[in-house]
Amino acid sequence: MELFSEINWSLIAPLILIQFLLMIIALVDFLKNRHNDKIHIAWIFLIVFVGTIGPILYFIFGRRN
C-alpha cells in the first residue's frame, strides 16, 4: 500500500483520463460506422487492450474506406 501513497496522482490522473476518453471516442466512432470487414473484432480488441496506441492506430488506419 505504500506504493500507492508515493505516486504523484496529480501528474498521472490526466494521462489516465486522456487514455480513457480516447478509447471511448474510438469505440463510439467504430460502432457508429459499422465496418463490414473481417477484422471487426480485432479492431475492438486493439482499441480496448493496447492502451493509448490502439485508438491512435484506429484513427490513422481503421477509418479508411
N, C-alpha and C. Protein backbone atom coordinates (compact mmCIF):
# COMPACT_ATOMS: atom_id res chain seq x y z
N MET A 1 0.81 -1.20 0.00
CA MET A 1 0.00 0.00 0.00
C MET A 1 0.85 1.26 0.00
N GLU A 2 2.10 1.16 0.42
CA GLU A 2 2.96 2.32 0.41
C GLU A 2 3.25 2.79 -1.01
N LEU A 3 3.23 1.86 -1.94
CA LEU A 3 3.49 2.20 -3.32
C LEU A 3 2.48 3.22 -3.84
N PHE A 4 1.21 3.06 -3.51
CA PHE A 4 0.18 3.98 -3.98
C PHE A 4 0.26 5.33 -3.30
N SER A 5 0.76 5.38 -2.10
CA SER A 5 0.86 6.66 -1.41
C SER A 5 2.02 7.50 -1.94
N GLU A 6 2.99 6.85 -2.58
CA GLU A 6 4.15 7.56 -3.12
C GLU A 6 3.92 8.09 -4.52
N ILE A 7 2.85 7.70 -5.18
CA ILE A 7 2.57 8.12 -6.55
C ILE A 7 2.03 9.54 -6.56
N ASN A 8 2.53 10.34 -7.47
CA ASN A 8 2.04 11.71 -7.63
C ASN A 8 0.82 11.66 -8.55
N TRP A 9 -0.36 11.56 -7.97
CA TRP A 9 -1.59 11.39 -8.74
C TRP A 9 -1.96 12.62 -9.55
N SER A 10 -1.47 13.78 -9.18
CA SER A 10 -1.79 14.98 -9.95
C SER A 10 -1.14 14.96 -11.33
N LEU A 11 -0.10 14.15 -11.49
CA LEU A 11 0.53 14.00 -12.80
C LEU A 11 -0.05 12.83 -13.60
N ILE A 12 -0.43 11.78 -12.92
CA ILE A 12 -0.89 10.57 -13.58
C ILE A 12 -2.38 10.61 -13.95
N ALA A 13 -3.19 11.25 -13.12
CA ALA A 13 -4.64 11.28 -13.36
C ALA A 13 -5.02 11.87 -14.72
N PRO A 14 -4.43 12.98 -15.17
CA PRO A 14 -4.78 13.48 -16.51
C PRO A 14 -4.43 12.51 -17.64
N LEU A 15 -3.33 11.79 -17.49
CA LEU A 15 -2.94 10.82 -18.51
C LEU A 15 -3.93 9.65 -18.57
N ILE A 16 -4.38 9.20 -17.42
CA ILE A 16 -5.37 8.13 -17.38
C ILE A 16 -6.69 8.61 -17.97
N LEU A 17 -7.07 9.83 -17.67
CA LEU A 17 -8.31 10.40 -18.22
C LEU A 17 -8.24 10.55 -19.73
N ILE A 18 -7.12 11.02 -20.25
CA ILE A 18 -6.95 11.17 -21.70
C ILE A 18 -7.01 9.81 -22.38
N GLN A 19 -6.36 8.80 -21.82
CA GLN A 19 -6.38 7.46 -22.39
C GLN A 19 -7.80 6.90 -22.40
N PHE A 20 -8.53 7.08 -21.31
CA PHE A 20 -9.90 6.58 -21.22
C PHE A 20 -10.82 7.28 -22.23
N LEU A 21 -10.71 8.60 -22.33
CA LEU A 21 -11.53 9.34 -23.28
C LEU A 21 -11.21 8.97 -24.73
N LEU A 22 -9.94 8.80 -25.03
CA LEU A 22 -9.54 8.40 -26.39
C LEU A 22 -10.11 7.03 -26.74
N MET A 23 -10.09 6.11 -25.79
CA MET A 23 -10.65 4.78 -26.02
C MET A 23 -12.16 4.85 -26.25
N ILE A 24 -12.88 5.62 -25.44
CA ILE A 24 -14.33 5.74 -25.59
C ILE A 24 -14.69 6.38 -26.92
N ILE A 25 -13.99 7.43 -27.32
CA ILE A 25 -14.28 8.11 -28.59
C ILE A 25 -14.01 7.16 -29.76
N ALA A 26 -12.93 6.40 -29.71
CA ALA A 26 -12.62 5.46 -30.78
C ALA A 26 -13.67 4.35 -30.86
N LEU A 27 -14.11 3.82 -29.71
CA LEU A 27 -15.14 2.77 -29.72
C LEU A 27 -16.47 3.29 -30.25
N VAL A 28 -16.85 4.49 -29.84
CA VAL A 28 -18.11 5.06 -30.32
C VAL A 28 -18.04 5.28 -31.83
N ASP A 29 -16.93 5.81 -32.31
CA ASP A 29 -16.78 6.02 -33.74
C ASP A 29 -16.80 4.70 -34.50
N PHE A 30 -16.12 3.70 -33.96
CA PHE A 30 -16.08 2.40 -34.62
C PHE A 30 -17.47 1.78 -34.70
N LEU A 31 -18.20 1.80 -33.61
CA LEU A 31 -19.54 1.20 -33.60
C LEU A 31 -20.54 2.02 -34.41
N LYS A 32 -20.33 3.30 -34.49
CA LYS A 32 -21.22 4.17 -35.26
C LYS A 32 -21.05 3.93 -36.76
N ASN A 33 -19.83 3.65 -37.20
CA ASN A 33 -19.57 3.46 -38.63
C ASN A 33 -19.86 2.05 -39.11
N ARG A 34 -19.96 1.09 -38.21
CA ARG A 34 -20.30 -0.32 -38.54
C ARG A 34 -19.48 -0.83 -39.72
N HIS A 35 -18.22 -1.05 -39.49
CA HIS A 35 -17.33 -1.57 -40.52
C HIS A 35 -17.75 -2.98 -40.91
N ASN A 36 -17.61 -3.31 -42.18
CA ASN A 36 -18.02 -4.63 -42.66
C ASN A 36 -16.84 -5.52 -43.02
N ASP A 37 -15.68 -5.23 -42.50
CA ASP A 37 -14.53 -6.07 -42.82
C ASP A 37 -14.42 -7.23 -41.84
N LYS A 38 -13.54 -8.17 -42.17
CA LYS A 38 -13.42 -9.38 -41.36
C LYS A 38 -12.61 -9.16 -40.09
N ILE A 39 -11.96 -8.03 -39.95
CA ILE A 39 -11.16 -7.79 -38.76
C ILE A 39 -11.90 -6.89 -37.77
N HIS A 40 -13.21 -6.98 -37.78
CA HIS A 40 -14.08 -6.17 -36.92
C HIS A 40 -13.71 -6.35 -35.44
N ILE A 41 -13.61 -7.57 -35.00
CA ILE A 41 -13.32 -7.85 -33.59
C ILE A 41 -11.87 -7.50 -33.27
N ALA A 42 -10.98 -7.64 -34.23
CA ALA A 42 -9.58 -7.29 -34.00
C ALA A 42 -9.43 -5.80 -33.68
N TRP A 43 -10.19 -4.96 -34.38
CA TRP A 43 -10.13 -3.52 -34.09
C TRP A 43 -10.64 -3.23 -32.69
N ILE A 44 -11.69 -3.89 -32.27
CA ILE A 44 -12.22 -3.67 -30.93
C ILE A 44 -11.18 -4.06 -29.88
N PHE A 45 -10.54 -5.22 -30.04
CA PHE A 45 -9.51 -5.63 -29.10
C PHE A 45 -8.33 -4.67 -29.12
N LEU A 46 -7.95 -4.20 -30.30
CA LEU A 46 -6.85 -3.25 -30.41
C LEU A 46 -7.17 -1.95 -29.69
N ILE A 47 -8.37 -1.45 -29.88
CA ILE A 47 -8.77 -0.19 -29.24
C ILE A 47 -8.80 -0.33 -27.72
N VAL A 48 -9.34 -1.43 -27.23
CA VAL A 48 -9.53 -1.58 -25.79
C VAL A 48 -8.27 -2.02 -25.06
N PHE A 49 -7.53 -2.96 -25.61
CA PHE A 49 -6.46 -3.59 -24.85
C PHE A 49 -5.04 -3.09 -25.13
N VAL A 50 -4.86 -2.27 -26.13
CA VAL A 50 -3.49 -1.83 -26.44
C VAL A 50 -3.19 -0.48 -25.81
N GLY A 51 -4.11 0.07 -25.07
CA GLY A 51 -3.84 1.32 -24.36
C GLY A 51 -4.00 2.53 -25.26
N THR A 52 -3.12 3.46 -25.13
CA THR A 52 -3.21 4.71 -25.88
C THR A 52 -2.91 4.51 -27.35
N ILE A 53 -2.05 3.59 -27.68
CA ILE A 53 -1.65 3.37 -29.07
C ILE A 53 -2.79 2.77 -29.90
N GLY A 54 -3.63 1.92 -29.31
CA GLY A 54 -4.73 1.27 -30.04
C GLY A 54 -5.70 2.25 -30.66
N PRO A 55 -6.27 3.19 -29.90
CA PRO A 55 -7.16 4.17 -30.51
C PRO A 55 -6.48 5.05 -31.54
N ILE A 56 -5.22 5.39 -31.31
CA ILE A 56 -4.49 6.21 -32.28
C ILE A 56 -4.32 5.45 -33.59
N LEU A 57 -3.96 4.16 -33.50
CA LEU A 57 -3.84 3.34 -34.71
C LEU A 57 -5.19 3.22 -35.43
N TYR A 58 -6.26 3.12 -34.67
CA TYR A 58 -7.59 3.06 -35.30
C TYR A 58 -7.88 4.33 -36.09
N PHE A 59 -7.62 5.48 -35.47
CA PHE A 59 -7.90 6.73 -36.16
C PHE A 59 -7.00 6.95 -37.38
N ILE A 60 -5.78 6.40 -37.36
CA ILE A 60 -4.90 6.55 -38.50
C ILE A 60 -5.24 5.55 -39.62
N PHE A 61 -5.41 4.27 -39.27
CA PHE A 61 -5.58 3.23 -40.28
C PHE A 61 -6.99 2.66 -40.39
N GLY A 62 -7.74 2.63 -39.32
CA GLY A 62 -9.03 1.94 -39.30
C GLY A 62 -10.18 2.71 -39.91
N ARG A 63 -10.07 4.01 -40.00
CA ARG A 63 -11.19 4.80 -40.51
C ARG A 63 -11.16 4.92 -42.02
N ARG A 64 -10.15 4.41 -42.67
CA ARG A 64 -10.06 4.50 -44.13
C ARG A 64 -11.14 3.66 -44.78
N ASN A 65 -11.72 4.21 -45.82
CA ASN A 65 -12.79 3.49 -46.53
C ASN A 65 -12.25 2.66 -47.66
